[in-house]
């Protein structure tokens, strides 16, 4: 009987809809490829394979069949990696495989073929021991790939860090050193109702018809598909985690690609643009190191006129990931080469020298009034001054004493003890400052103002940094900052101060890791100062 060897197309499995009970596959109309005995055949994007995908090189693999040994030897020559039996082929690498092996023209891609010899001969004792003559010509080397691990065999939904972030992992997800990362709302889906926020978990549609094909393309290229989404509605209990999980599951089933979804439920280190969700991804990637330069992130919050914030753009910048808007990624739209920048950019903050305490102290007793928003560094400075000259200074603060009247009564006691009083409150408005100036005047003391002239956004950044690095730190909401901003009036010498001295903000760090964190973008919405 005449022997043949063919590469037979393998149908590509696709994720099943939520209502299905059995696996399914895509009908494959690619022709089988007949391999001649002992003659190299170059295959790739061509009429021979009926493949037109531009990611596949015209010359992807050189394949040579050996009918005598029933082996096929393969040399990878294409620009994108191919695979054999789940293993990556490095460029110019050679490998020999047996009957039944799976060849992937693109690693983890849709163009898969099974090696099929007909008839299949059983090896005899003598011939089985005989060395394959191809082994003298090819470097046969099986390499365990770090590009992709075995796919997850079931979907999972769990939370970490007390529910600050939930992770949904769809059945079929593979860990990889390449990440194709996406935002969710406004990037993959939008509401069907036209409302800004969905009215229920079924109020969604894909943002672009190109979404399924684009994600399938990257999944086929060996990327791990990951979604990062801020969902504060879960944290404030307006939306149940299980309901959002159903929505995510339905969306991924519609797209037809398995993905891992990270869901931030509140503020802090997990909420974009902070990078806590990415850190969680790295810890759940089967010990595979992610290649930043081969990964990317796509999101709609890029600070454009129509965008609600800079969160996605700054998230990508924090990680040094390539960034695209959905319009760029899915529609090929040309955006400005440089996106608008937020009014506050921590990376542009000038690093000041420390405040010289020795230049602050004076011999005469007085009241030192600190002025500034929460997070400007007042309390840290007051503590340093008090600790260095404990016998000369005393501190009053509403954070510890509870009210302004208690602060004033405590200050009067300190004045009687001949101590200078440090007023460690925000003291943002003229009326509050007037009361302290009156206390100073009634005791024939001067009142000096130490003004921490730090922008509101910078203070919000400092507060969020402290929240991330210290779980015991009190959270100051945007609403509180907004109220404080409305009452704020810059201090003026006409109010009765003996002097007004501007103070620097000088961050201090316990280690390099915290310093790196501090100079990342932490604020989600930086469009307004």
Protein backbone atom coordinates (compact mmCIF):
# COMPACT_ATOMS: atom_id res chain seq x y z
CA UNK A 1 0.00 0.00 0.00
CA UNK A 2 1.30 3.43 -0.88
CA UNK A 3 2.15 5.47 2.21
CA UNK A 4 1.05 9.09 2.62
CA UNK A 5 1.63 11.88 5.07
CA UNK A 6 -0.76 14.79 5.48
CA UNK A 7 -1.25 17.77 7.74
CA UNK A 8 -4.94 17.60 8.61
CA UNK A 9 -6.63 20.81 9.92
CA UNK A 10 -7.77 20.60 13.53
CA UNK A 11 -11.07 22.39 14.27
CA UNK A 12 -10.61 25.24 16.74
CA UNK A 13 -12.65 24.95 19.96
CA UNK A 14 -14.55 28.03 21.02
CA UNK A 15 -16.08 28.92 24.40
CA UNK A 16 -19.70 27.81 24.65
CA UNK A 17 -22.59 30.17 25.40
CA UNK A 18 -23.82 30.29 28.99
CA UNK A 19 -26.89 28.18 28.03
CA UNK A 20 -24.94 25.42 26.28
CA UNK A 21 -24.09 22.11 27.92
CA UNK A 22 -21.52 20.75 25.47
CA UNK A 23 -18.35 22.04 23.86
CA UNK A 24 -18.45 23.20 20.27
CA UNK A 25 -15.98 24.06 17.53
CA UNK A 26 -15.62 26.20 14.46
CA UNK A 27 -16.09 24.49 11.10
CA UNK A 28 -12.69 24.40 9.46
CA UNK A 29 -12.62 24.67 5.66
CA UNK A 30 -8.85 24.73 5.33
CA UNK A 31 -7.54 21.98 3.02
CA UNK A 32 -5.31 19.18 4.21
CA UNK A 33 -1.69 19.54 3.11
CA UNK A 34 0.04 16.57 1.52
CA UNK A 35 3.74 16.23 2.40
CA UNK A 36 6.15 14.56 -0.07
CA UNK A 37 8.66 12.03 1.24
CA UNK A 38 12.04 13.56 2.07
CA UNK A 39 11.41 16.87 0.30
CA UNK A 40 11.22 20.10 2.30
CA UNK A 41 7.95 22.04 1.94
CA UNK A 42 7.58 25.65 3.03
CA UNK A 43 4.15 26.56 4.38
CA UNK A 44 2.63 29.77 5.67
CA UNK A 45 0.21 32.40 4.42
CA UNK A 46 -0.52 31.12 0.93
CA UNK A 47 -3.00 29.45 -1.38
CA UNK A 48 -1.69 26.09 -0.16
CA UNK A 49 -3.05 26.70 3.34
CA UNK A 50 -5.88 29.07 2.31
CA UNK A 51 -4.80 31.34 5.18
CA UNK A 52 -4.76 35.11 4.62
CA UNK A 53 -3.97 36.29 8.17
CA UNK A 54 -1.17 38.90 7.83
CA UNK A 55 0.30 37.82 11.17
CA UNK A 56 1.29 34.54 9.58
CA UNK A 57 4.44 34.82 7.49
CA UNK A 58 4.39 33.57 3.92
CA UNK A 59 7.32 31.42 4.94
CA UNK A 60 6.42 30.26 8.46
CA UNK A 61 7.68 26.67 8.66
CA UNK A 62 9.87 24.33 6.62
CA UNK A 63 8.45 20.81 6.99
CA UNK A 64 10.05 17.59 5.81
CA UNK A 65 8.38 14.19 6.12
CA UNK A 66 10.37 10.96 6.51
CA UNK A 67 8.13 8.05 5.49
CA UNK A 68 10.62 5.42 6.65
CA UNK A 69 10.75 6.61 10.26
CA UNK A 70 7.25 8.10 10.26
CA UNK A 71 8.50 11.40 11.56
CA UNK A 72 8.09 14.98 10.40
CA UNK A 73 10.91 17.45 10.98
CA UNK A 74 10.05 21.11 11.36
CA UNK A 75 12.12 24.28 11.19
CA UNK A 76 10.60 27.59 12.34
CA UNK A 77 11.49 30.53 10.08
CA UNK A 78 8.55 32.94 10.51
CA UNK A 79 8.61 36.22 12.45
CA UNK A 80 5.87 35.12 14.88
CA UNK A 81 6.30 31.99 17.03
CA UNK A 82 4.86 28.64 15.97
CA UNK A 83 4.19 25.71 18.26
CA UNK A 84 4.31 21.94 18.42
CA UNK A 85 2.24 20.00 20.96
CA UNK A 86 1.89 23.12 23.11
CA UNK A 87 5.60 23.94 23.00
CA UNK A 88 6.95 27.15 21.49
CA UNK A 89 9.35 26.86 18.58
CA UNK A 90 12.07 29.47 18.71
CA UNK A 91 13.02 30.98 15.36
CA UNK A 92 15.39 28.69 13.39
CA UNK A 93 14.80 25.90 15.89
CA UNK A 94 14.36 22.38 14.49
CA UNK A 95 12.27 19.57 15.96
CA UNK A 96 11.07 16.16 14.80
CA UNK A 97 7.60 14.88 15.73
CA UNK A 98 5.62 11.70 15.30
CA UNK A 99 2.26 10.69 13.94
CA UNK A 100 -0.61 12.43 15.77
CA UNK A 101 1.39 15.45 16.82
CA UNK A 102 -0.23 18.90 16.64
CA UNK A 103 1.52 21.66 14.69
CA UNK A 104 0.41 25.26 15.34
CA UNK A 105 1.39 27.64 12.57
CA UNK A 106 0.90 30.40 15.17
CA UNK A 107 1.45 29.45 18.79
CA UNK A 108 -1.92 29.09 20.55
CA UNK A 109 -3.54 30.27 17.32
CA UNK A 110 -6.40 28.92 15.19
CA UNK A 111 -4.18 27.37 12.47
CA UNK A 112 -3.57 23.90 13.85
CA UNK A 113 -2.77 20.70 11.99
CA UNK A 114 -2.38 17.07 12.99
CA UNK A 115 0.41 14.96 11.49
CA UNK A 116 -1.23 11.90 9.96
CA UNK A 117 0.69 9.05 8.37
CA UNK A 118 -1.32 6.41 6.50
CA UNK A 119 -0.87 3.56 7.06
CA UNK A 120 0.76 3.79 10.49
CA UNK A 121 3.54 1.19 10.86
CA UNK A 122 4.31 -0.43 14.21
CA UNK A 123 8.06 -0.25 14.99
CA UNK A 124 9.95 -3.55 14.93
CA UNK A 125 12.66 -4.43 17.45
CA UNK A 126 15.57 -3.72 15.12
CA UNK A 127 14.17 -0.71 13.34
CA UNK A 128 12.92 0.84 16.55
CA UNK A 129 16.46 0.97 17.90
CA UNK A 130 17.88 2.36 14.68
CA UNK A 131 18.78 6.00 14.88
CA UNK A 132 16.64 8.35 12.82
CA UNK A 133 18.91 9.77 10.09
CA UNK A 134 17.28 13.17 10.50
CA UNK A 135 18.86 13.47 13.95
CA UNK A 136 22.25 14.08 12.32
CA UNK A 137 20.86 17.06 10.38
CA UNK A 138 18.55 18.67 12.89
CA UNK A 139 19.01 20.00 16.38
CA UNK A 140 16.19 18.22 18.16
CA UNK A 141 15.41 20.18 21.30
CA UNK A 142 12.21 20.25 23.27
CA UNK A 143 11.89 23.45 25.25
CA UNK A 144 9.32 24.02 27.99
CA UNK A 145 7.70 27.26 26.98
CA UNK A 146 7.09 30.03 29.45
CA UNK A 147 4.59 31.61 27.08
CA UNK A 148 1.49 29.65 28.00
CA UNK A 149 0.45 27.09 30.59
CA UNK A 150 -2.39 24.60 30.49
CA UNK A 151 -5.78 26.24 30.16
CA UNK A 152 -8.01 26.46 33.22
CA UNK A 153 -10.50 23.60 33.17
CA UNK A 154 -13.30 25.49 34.92
CA UNK A 155 -14.40 29.06 35.58
CA UNK A 156 -13.66 30.50 39.03
CA UNK A 157 -14.78 33.57 40.96
CA UNK A 158 -13.02 34.66 44.13
CA UNK A 159 -11.96 37.74 46.06
CA UNK A 160 -8.78 38.79 47.81
CA UNK A 161 -7.88 41.35 50.46
CA UNK A 162 -11.29 41.28 52.10
CA UNK A 163 -13.20 41.83 48.88
CA UNK A 164 -11.29 44.91 47.76
CA UNK A 165 -10.85 43.11 44.46
CA UNK A 166 -12.70 40.19 42.84
CA UNK A 167 -11.18 37.94 40.17
CA UNK A 168 -13.24 36.07 37.60
CA UNK A 169 -11.28 33.54 35.56
CA UNK A 170 -13.16 32.14 32.59
CA UNK A 171 -12.71 28.49 31.64
CA UNK A 172 -9.95 28.20 29.04
CA UNK A 173 -7.71 31.04 30.32
CA UNK A 174 -3.99 30.41 29.81
CA UNK A 175 -1.21 32.17 31.66
CA UNK A 176 1.26 33.90 29.37
CA UNK A 177 4.21 36.27 29.33
CA UNK A 178 2.22 38.53 26.96
CA UNK A 179 -0.83 40.39 28.24
CA UNK A 180 -3.57 41.96 26.13
CA UNK A 181 -5.30 44.10 28.77
CA UNK A 182 -8.56 46.00 28.47
CA UNK A 183 -10.83 48.27 30.46
CA UNK A 184 -14.45 47.09 30.56
CA UNK A 185 -17.10 49.85 30.49
CA UNK A 186 -16.66 52.15 27.51
CA UNK A 187 -14.01 49.89 26.01
CA UNK A 188 -15.52 46.43 25.54
CA UNK A 189 -19.15 47.21 26.37
CA UNK A 190 -21.55 50.14 26.59
CA UNK A 191 -25.17 50.40 27.71
CA UNK A 192 -28.01 49.45 25.36
CA UNK A 193 -30.24 52.00 27.10
CA UNK A 194 -27.93 54.90 26.31
CA UNK A 195 -27.65 55.72 30.03
CA UNK A 196 -24.26 56.60 31.46
CA UNK A 197 -24.62 53.79 34.00
CA UNK A 198 -26.33 50.46 33.22
CA UNK A 199 -29.83 50.06 34.65
CA UNK A 200 -29.29 46.32 35.25
CA UNK A 201 -26.77 43.57 34.44
CA UNK A 202 -28.42 42.94 31.05
CA UNK A 203 -28.12 46.57 29.93
CA UNK A 204 -25.05 46.10 27.73
CA UNK A 205 -23.88 45.71 24.18
CA UNK A 206 -20.43 45.50 22.63
CA UNK A 207 -18.86 48.90 21.96
CA UNK A 208 -17.65 47.87 18.50
CA UNK A 209 -18.47 44.95 16.18
CA UNK A 210 -14.70 44.38 15.88
CA UNK A 211 -14.33 43.43 19.58
CA UNK A 212 -14.71 39.61 19.20
CA UNK A 213 -12.35 39.26 16.23
CA UNK A 214 -9.73 41.53 17.79
CA UNK A 215 -9.65 39.63 21.09
CA UNK A 216 -9.68 36.27 19.30
CA UNK A 217 -6.75 37.45 17.24
CA UNK A 218 -4.63 38.24 20.30
CA UNK A 219 -5.71 35.08 22.08
CA UNK A 220 -4.60 33.16 19.02
CA UNK A 221 -1.23 34.89 19.23
CA UNK A 222 -0.61 33.50 22.70
CA UNK A 223 -1.69 36.56 24.68
CA UNK A 224 -3.51 36.21 27.96
CA UNK A 225 -6.65 38.34 27.72
CA UNK A 226 -7.13 40.36 30.92
CA UNK A 227 -9.74 42.94 31.93
CA UNK A 228 -9.20 45.56 34.65
CA UNK A 229 -12.31 47.41 35.80
CA UNK A 230 -13.20 49.85 38.59
CA UNK A 231 -16.63 48.98 40.02
CA UNK A 232 -17.25 51.14 43.08
CA UNK A 233 -20.95 50.16 42.93
CA UNK A 234 -19.93 46.78 44.34
CA UNK A 235 -18.03 48.38 47.21
CA UNK A 236 -20.97 50.63 48.13
CA UNK A 237 -23.37 47.66 47.85
CA UNK A 238 -25.41 49.01 44.97
CA UNK A 239 -24.39 45.96 42.92
CA UNK A 240 -23.88 42.39 44.11
CA UNK A 241 -20.53 40.80 43.12
CA UNK A 242 -22.35 37.67 41.94
CA UNK A 243 -24.58 39.72 39.62
CA UNK A 244 -21.60 41.48 38.05
CA UNK A 245 -19.91 38.09 37.66
CA UNK A 246 -22.92 36.92 35.62
CA UNK A 247 -22.63 40.00 33.43
CA UNK A 248 -18.89 39.42 32.86
CA UNK A 249 -19.52 35.75 32.06
CA UNK A 250 -22.19 36.63 29.50
CA UNK A 251 -20.00 39.29 27.87
CA UNK A 252 -17.05 36.91 27.52
CA UNK A 253 -19.31 34.19 26.12
CA UNK A 254 -20.58 36.69 23.55
CA UNK A 255 -17.04 37.68 22.62
CA UNK A 256 -15.97 34.04 22.46
CA UNK A 257 -12.59 34.39 24.21
CA UNK A 258 -11.62 33.26 27.73
CA UNK A 259 -10.29 36.08 29.92
CA UNK A 260 -9.30 36.86 33.47
CA UNK A 261 -11.17 39.83 34.95
CA UNK A 262 -9.97 41.92 37.91
CA UNK A 263 -12.71 43.97 39.58
CA UNK A 264 -11.74 46.76 41.98
CA UNK A 265 -14.59 47.48 44.39
CA UNK A 266 -13.31 50.56 46.26
CA UNK A 267 -10.46 53.04 46.52
CA UNK A 268 -6.89 52.36 47.49
CA UNK A 269 -4.18 50.36 45.82
CA UNK A 270 -6.49 48.31 43.58
CA UNK A 271 -8.37 51.16 41.95
CA UNK A 272 -6.97 52.38 38.65
CA UNK A 273 -4.71 54.20 38.01
CA UNK A 274 -3.07 52.54 41.05
CA UNK A 275 -1.48 49.27 39.98
CA UNK A 276 -2.66 46.82 42.65
CA UNK A 277 -4.77 44.81 40.19
CA UNK A 278 -1.75 44.36 37.93
CA UNK A 279 0.28 43.16 40.92
CA UNK A 280 -2.46 40.63 41.65
CA UNK A 281 -2.30 39.48 38.01
CA UNK A 282 1.46 38.92 38.27
CA UNK A 283 0.92 36.82 41.38
CA UNK A 284 -1.68 34.67 39.61
CA UNK A 285 0.22 34.02 36.38
CA UNK A 286 1.70 30.59 37.22
CA UNK A 287 5.17 32.02 37.96
CA UNK A 288 5.46 33.31 34.38
CA UNK A 289 7.16 36.68 34.21
CA UNK A 290 5.17 39.16 32.13
CA UNK A 291 7.02 40.97 29.34
CA UNK A 292 5.93 44.59 29.60
CA UNK A 293 7.35 45.52 26.20
CA UNK A 294 5.21 42.83 24.50
CA UNK A 295 2.03 43.65 26.42
CA UNK A 296 -0.45 46.51 26.07
CA UNK A 297 -3.49 48.15 27.66
CA UNK A 298 -6.59 49.60 25.99
CA UNK A 299 -9.01 51.91 27.79
CA UNK A 300 -11.35 54.83 27.16
CA UNK A 301 -10.40 57.10 30.11
CA UNK A 302 -7.56 58.98 28.43
CA UNK A 303 -8.35 62.57 29.41
CA UNK A 304 -9.89 63.51 26.08
CA UNK A 305 -12.72 66.02 25.95
CA UNK A 306 -15.39 63.32 26.16
CA UNK A 307 -13.58 61.19 28.76
CA UNK A 308 -14.55 61.16 32.43
CA UNK A 309 -10.94 60.91 33.65
CA UNK A 310 -7.33 59.99 32.88
CA UNK A 311 -7.53 56.71 34.82
CA UNK A 312 -6.73 54.31 31.96
CA UNK A 313 -3.99 56.42 30.40
CA UNK A 314 -2.27 56.92 33.77
CA UNK A 315 -2.68 53.23 34.70
CA UNK A 316 -0.76 52.32 31.55
CA UNK A 317 1.88 54.97 32.25
CA UNK A 318 2.41 53.66 35.78
CA UNK A 319 3.18 50.24 34.30
CA UNK A 320 5.08 51.46 31.21
CA UNK A 321 2.54 49.62 29.05
CA UNK A 322 1.78 50.57 25.48
CA UNK A 323 -1.58 52.36 25.50
CA UNK A 324 -4.38 52.72 22.96
CA UNK A 325 -7.88 54.12 23.11
CA UNK A 326 -10.72 51.80 21.98
CA UNK A 327 -11.09 53.87 18.82
CA UNK A 328 -7.43 53.32 17.99
CA UNK A 329 -7.42 49.65 18.91
CA UNK A 330 -10.67 48.45 17.39
CA UNK A 331 -11.30 50.99 14.60
CA UNK A 332 -7.78 52.04 13.60
CA UNK A 333 -8.63 55.68 14.30
CA UNK A 334 -5.76 58.15 14.46
CA UNK A 335 -5.51 59.89 17.84
CA UNK A 336 -3.09 62.69 18.77
CA UNK A 337 0.41 61.32 19.26
CA UNK A 338 0.45 63.00 22.66
CA UNK A 339 -2.63 62.87 24.89
CA UNK A 340 -3.74 65.76 27.08
CA UNK A 341 -2.04 65.84 30.44
CA UNK A 342 -3.80 66.15 33.80
CA UNK A 343 -3.57 69.49 35.57
CA UNK A 344 -1.86 67.71 38.44
CA UNK A 345 1.01 65.40 37.59
CA UNK A 346 2.97 63.99 40.51
CA UNK A 347 5.89 63.23 38.21
CA UNK A 348 6.27 66.97 37.56
CA UNK A 349 6.34 67.94 41.23
CA UNK A 350 9.52 69.75 42.24
CA UNK A 351 11.39 67.99 45.02
CA UNK A 352 12.02 70.64 47.67
CA UNK A 353 14.66 70.72 50.35
CA UNK A 354 13.38 69.92 53.83
CA UNK A 355 11.93 72.64 56.02
CA UNK A 356 14.66 73.88 58.32
CA UNK A 357 13.16 73.65 61.79
CA UNK A 358 15.92 75.79 63.27
CA UNK A 359 14.80 78.68 61.05
CA UNK A 360 11.24 78.31 62.31
CA UNK A 361 11.76 78.49 66.06
CA UNK A 362 11.87 81.81 67.89
CA UNK A 363 12.86 82.69 71.41
CA UNK A 364 9.64 84.46 72.32
CA UNK A 365 6.46 82.62 73.17
CA UNK A 366 3.81 82.75 70.42
CA UNK A 367 1.03 80.91 68.63
CA UNK A 368 2.10 79.07 65.50
CA UNK A 369 -0.93 78.57 63.27
CA UNK A 370 -0.54 75.89 60.58
CA UNK A 371 -2.69 76.38 57.48
CA UNK A 372 -3.31 73.79 54.77
CA UNK A 373 -5.50 70.98 53.47
CA UNK A 374 -5.35 67.48 54.98
CA UNK A 375 -2.34 65.70 53.49
CA UNK A 376 -0.16 68.81 53.11
CA UNK A 377 2.34 67.71 55.77
CA UNK A 378 1.22 69.89 58.71
CA UNK A 379 0.98 67.16 61.33
CA UNK A 380 4.28 65.59 60.38
CA UNK A 381 6.01 68.95 60.68
CA UNK A 382 4.28 69.74 64.01
CA UNK A 383 5.38 66.40 65.45
CA UNK A 384 8.99 67.00 64.41
CA UNK A 385 9.01 70.47 65.94
CA UNK A 386 7.42 69.23 69.17
CA UNK A 387 9.75 66.23 69.49
CA UNK A 388 12.83 68.40 69.06
CA UNK A 389 11.73 71.10 71.51
CA UNK A 390 9.28 69.25 73.74
CA UNK A 391 9.85 71.57 76.72
CA UNK A 392 9.09 74.67 74.67
CA UNK A 393 6.13 73.65 72.48
CA UNK A 394 2.69 72.13 72.81
CA UNK A 395 0.29 70.90 70.10
CA UNK A 396 -3.48 71.30 69.87
CA UNK A 397 -5.45 69.46 67.19
CA UNK A 398 -9.13 68.83 66.59
CA UNK A 399 -8.22 65.34 65.36
CA UNK A 400 -7.32 64.42 68.95
CA UNK A 401 -9.33 66.92 71.04
CA UNK A 402 -12.51 66.77 68.94
CA UNK A 403 -13.62 70.41 68.75
CA UNK A 404 -12.34 73.95 68.32
CA UNK A 405 -13.46 75.07 71.82
CA UNK A 406 -11.47 72.20 73.38
CA UNK A 407 -8.46 73.19 71.30
CA UNK A 408 -8.71 76.79 72.53
CA UNK A 409 -9.11 75.78 76.21
CA UNK A 410 -6.11 73.42 75.93
CA UNK A 411 -4.10 76.17 74.21
CA UNK A 412 -4.81 78.58 77.08
CA UNK A 413 -3.43 76.01 79.56
CA UNK A 414 -0.25 75.63 77.44
CA UNK A 415 0.14 79.42 77.25
CA UNK A 416 0.00 79.59 81.04
CA UNK A 417 2.79 76.99 81.09
CA UNK A 418 4.86 79.44 79.03
CA UNK A 419 4.79 77.20 75.95
CA UNK A 420 4.40 78.16 72.33
CA UNK A 421 1.19 76.64 70.94
CA UNK A 422 1.23 74.82 67.61
CA UNK A 423 -2.29 74.87 66.16
CA UNK A 424 -2.35 71.71 64.01
CA UNK A 425 -5.72 72.23 62.30
CA UNK A 426 -6.54 73.07 58.68
CA UNK A 427 -7.42 76.70 59.61
CA UNK A 428 -8.64 77.31 56.07
CA UNK A 429 -11.11 80.16 56.57
CA UNK A 430 -10.75 83.69 57.93
CA UNK A 431 -13.30 83.22 60.74
CA UNK A 432 -11.45 80.27 62.26
CA UNK A 433 -8.09 82.03 62.02
CA UNK A 434 -9.61 85.16 63.60
CA UNK A 435 -10.45 83.21 66.77
CA UNK A 436 -6.83 82.14 67.18
CA UNK A 437 -5.54 85.64 66.53
CA UNK A 438 -7.91 86.86 69.26
CA UNK A 439 -6.52 84.24 71.67
CA UNK A 440 -3.00 85.43 70.89
CA UNK A 441 -3.92 89.10 71.35
CA UNK A 442 -5.72 88.43 74.64
CA UNK A 443 -2.49 86.92 76.03
CA UNK A 444 -0.29 89.57 74.42
CA UNK A 445 1.31 87.05 72.10
CA UNK A 446 2.02 87.25 68.39
CA UNK A 447 0.39 84.80 65.97
CA UNK A 448 2.58 83.55 63.15
CA UNK A 449 1.17 81.65 60.15
CA UNK A 450 3.01 78.65 58.64
CA UNK A 451 1.25 78.24 55.30
CA UNK A 452 1.55 74.85 53.60
CA UNK A 453 0.70 76.09 50.12
CA UNK A 454 0.13 72.65 48.59
CA UNK A 455 -2.49 72.18 45.85
CA UNK A 456 -5.70 70.33 46.67
CA UNK A 457 -4.93 67.57 44.14
CA UNK A 458 -1.46 67.08 45.61
CA UNK A 459 -3.02 66.70 49.05
CA UNK A 460 -5.54 64.18 47.67
CA UNK A 461 -2.61 62.26 46.17
CA UNK A 462 -0.78 62.29 49.52
CA UNK A 463 -3.89 61.08 51.31
CA UNK A 464 -4.36 58.19 48.88
CA UNK A 465 -0.69 57.25 49.19
CA UNK A 466 -1.03 57.13 52.97
CA UNK A 467 -4.19 55.07 52.64
CA UNK A 468 -2.36 52.54 50.46
CA UNK A 469 0.74 52.29 52.66
CA UNK A 470 -1.03 52.46 56.03
CA UNK A 471 -4.33 50.62 56.50
CA UNK A 472 -4.92 52.50 59.78
CA UNK A 473 -4.78 55.89 58.06
CA UNK A 474 -8.09 57.74 58.07
CA UNK A 475 -9.71 57.96 54.65
CA UNK A 476 -10.59 61.48 53.54
CA UNK A 477 -13.25 61.44 50.85
CA UNK A 478 -13.43 63.66 47.78
CA UNK A 479 -16.61 65.13 49.24
CA UNK A 480 -14.72 66.36 52.30
CA UNK A 481 -11.98 67.85 50.15
CA UNK A 482 -14.63 69.57 48.04
CA UNK A 483 -16.21 71.12 51.13
CA UNK A 484 -12.84 72.28 52.44
CA UNK A 485 -12.00 73.85 49.09
CA UNK A 486 -15.18 75.97 49.21
CA UNK A 487 -14.28 77.49 52.57
CA UNK A 488 -10.57 77.99 51.82
CA UNK A 489 -9.18 81.54 51.75
CA UNK A 490 -5.47 82.18 51.41
CA UNK A 491 -3.99 83.71 54.58
CA UNK A 492 -3.24 87.43 54.44
CA UNK A 493 -1.07 89.59 56.70
CA UNK A 494 -4.01 91.99 57.09
CA UNK A 495 -5.73 89.35 59.23
CA UNK A 496 -3.30 90.22 62.00
CA UNK A 497 -0.45 87.73 61.60
CA UNK A 498 3.00 88.78 62.75
CA UNK A 499 4.34 86.95 59.68
CA UNK A 500 3.31 84.41 57.05
CA UNK A 501 5.91 81.80 56.08
CA UNK A 502 5.38 79.40 53.17
CA UNK A 503 6.33 75.81 53.93
CA UNK A 504 7.56 73.13 51.57
CA UNK A 505 6.09 69.65 51.29
CA UNK A 506 8.90 67.14 51.56
CA UNK A 507 7.89 63.46 51.24
CA UNK A 508 9.83 60.92 53.28
CA UNK A 509 10.00 57.19 52.52
CA UNK A 510 10.82 54.10 54.52
CA UNK A 511 12.13 52.28 51.44
CA UNK A 512 12.61 52.54 47.68
CA UNK A 513 9.38 50.64 47.00
CA UNK A 514 7.29 53.30 48.72
CA UNK A 515 9.17 56.07 46.94
CA UNK A 516 8.40 54.45 43.59
CA UNK A 517 4.75 54.13 44.57
CA UNK A 518 4.55 57.78 45.64
CA UNK A 519 5.70 59.06 42.26
CA UNK A 520 3.13 56.99 40.37
CA UNK A 521 -0.21 58.43 39.27
CA UNK A 522 -2.70 57.54 42.01
CA UNK A 523 -5.63 59.88 41.34
CA UNK A 524 -8.30 58.57 38.99
CA UNK A 525 -9.79 61.90 37.95
CA UNK A 526 -7.21 64.61 37.47
CA UNK A 527 -9.03 66.67 34.83
CA UNK A 528 -9.85 69.41 37.34
CA UNK A 529 -7.54 71.02 39.85
